Amino acid sequence: MLDLDQELKVADEFWDFLGGTGAYEELLNCFERVGIELRPEIDKYFEKFK
C-alpha cells in the first residue's frame, strides 16, 4: 500500500527529513541531557506508581 522508500519515514529518516542532516542525533542528545538533569524529579514522580 505504501512505497516505503518514498512515503514512510521513521526515526532518523523522519527527523533528518524535517530538521536536516544530524537533527535526529541532536534530538537524542537533548533528551539525554534533560533526562540526566531531571532524573531525581522523574524518579520522585514515578515512586507513587510502585
C-alpha atoms as a PDB file:
ATOM      1  CA  MET A   1       0.000   0.000   0.000  1.00  0.00           C
ATOM      2  CA  LEU A   2       2.887   2.370   0.723  1.00  0.00           C
ATOM      3  CA  ASP A   3       6.088   2.955  -1.167  1.00  0.00           C
ATOM      4  CA  LEU A   4       8.306   2.516   1.901  1.00  0.00           C
ATOM      5  CA  ASP A   5      11.277   4.313   0.360  1.00  0.00           C
ATOM      6  CA  GLN A   6       9.262   7.400  -0.599  1.00  0.00           C
ATOM      7  CA  GLU A   7       6.232   7.587   1.705  1.00  0.00           C
ATOM      8  CA  LEU A   8       7.260   6.281   5.111  1.00  0.00           C
ATOM      9  CA  LYS A   9       9.993   7.742   7.274  1.00  0.00           C
ATOM     10  CA  VAL A  10      10.760   6.643  10.812  1.00  0.00           C
ATOM     11  CA  ALA A  11      13.289   7.630  13.466  1.00  0.00           C
ATOM     12  CA  ASP A  12      16.422   9.186  11.953  1.00  0.00           C
ATOM     13  CA  GLU A  13      14.965   9.358   8.437  1.00  0.00           C
ATOM     14  CA  PHE A  14      11.930  11.259   9.732  1.00  0.00           C
ATOM     15  CA  TRP A  15      13.761  13.755  11.952  1.00  0.00           C
ATOM     16  CA  ASP A  16      16.592  14.355   9.494  1.00  0.00           C
ATOM     17  CA  PHE A  17      13.975  14.945   6.784  1.00  0.00           C
ATOM     18  CA  LEU A  18      12.290  17.578   8.978  1.00  0.00           C
ATOM     19  CA  GLY A  19      15.346  19.190  10.506  1.00  0.00           C
ATOM     20  CA  GLY A  20      18.220  18.395   8.182  1.00  0.00           C
ATOM     21  CA  THR A  21      21.135  16.028   8.466  1.00  0.00           C
ATOM     22  CA  GLY A  22      22.037  15.339  12.098  1.00  0.00           C
ATOM     23  CA  ALA A  23      18.702  16.525  13.534  1.00  0.00           C
ATOM     24  CA  TYR A  24      17.850  13.082  14.910  1.00  0.00           C
ATOM     25  CA  GLU A  25      21.176  12.745  16.716  1.00  0.00           C
ATOM     26  CA  GLU A  26      20.831  16.245  18.179  1.00  0.00           C
ATOM     27  CA  LEU A  27      17.298  15.456  19.352  1.00  0.00           C
ATOM     28  CA  LEU A  28      18.531  12.326  21.110  1.00  0.00           C
ATOM     29  CA  ASN A  29      21.300  14.341  22.770  1.00  0.00           C
ATOM     30  CA  CYS A  30      18.778  16.920  24.001  1.00  0.00           C
ATOM     31  CA  PHE A  31      16.563  14.221  25.529  1.00  0.00           C
ATOM     32  CA  GLU A  32      19.574  12.613  27.187  1.00  0.00           C
ATOM     33  CA  ARG A  33      20.794  15.892  28.727  1.00  0.00           C
ATOM     34  CA  VAL A  34      17.335  16.788  30.034  1.00  0.00           C
ATOM     35  CA  GLY A  35      16.806  13.251  31.346  1.00  0.00           C
ATOM     36  CA  ILE A  36      20.065  13.366  33.281  1.00  0.00           C
ATOM     37  CA  GLU A  37      19.258  16.796  34.711  1.00  0.00           C
ATOM     38  CA  LEU A  38      15.696  15.905  35.706  1.00  0.00           C
ATOM     39  CA  ARG A  39      16.372  12.329  36.857  1.00  0.00           C
ATOM     40  CA  PRO A  40      15.662  12.996  40.559  1.00  0.00           C
ATOM     41  CA  GLU A  41      12.352  14.694  39.725  1.00  0.00           C
ATOM     42  CA  ILE A  42      11.359  11.915  37.323  1.00  0.00           C
ATOM     43  CA  ASP A  43      12.223   9.209  39.862  1.00  0.00           C
ATOM     44  CA  LYS A  44      10.214  11.008  42.558  1.00  0.00           C
ATOM     45  CA  TYR A  45       7.183  11.213  40.270  1.00  0.00           C
ATOM     46  CA  PHE A  46       7.253   7.504  39.415  1.00  0.00           C
ATOM     47  CA  GLU A  47       7.706   6.435  43.045  1.00  0.00           C
ATOM     48  CA  LYS A  48       3.938   6.760  43.545  1.00  0.00           C
ATOM     49  CA  PHE A  49       3.290   4.007  40.986  1.00  0.00           C
ATOM     50  CA  LYS A  50       5.238   1.295  42.814  1.00  0.00           C
END
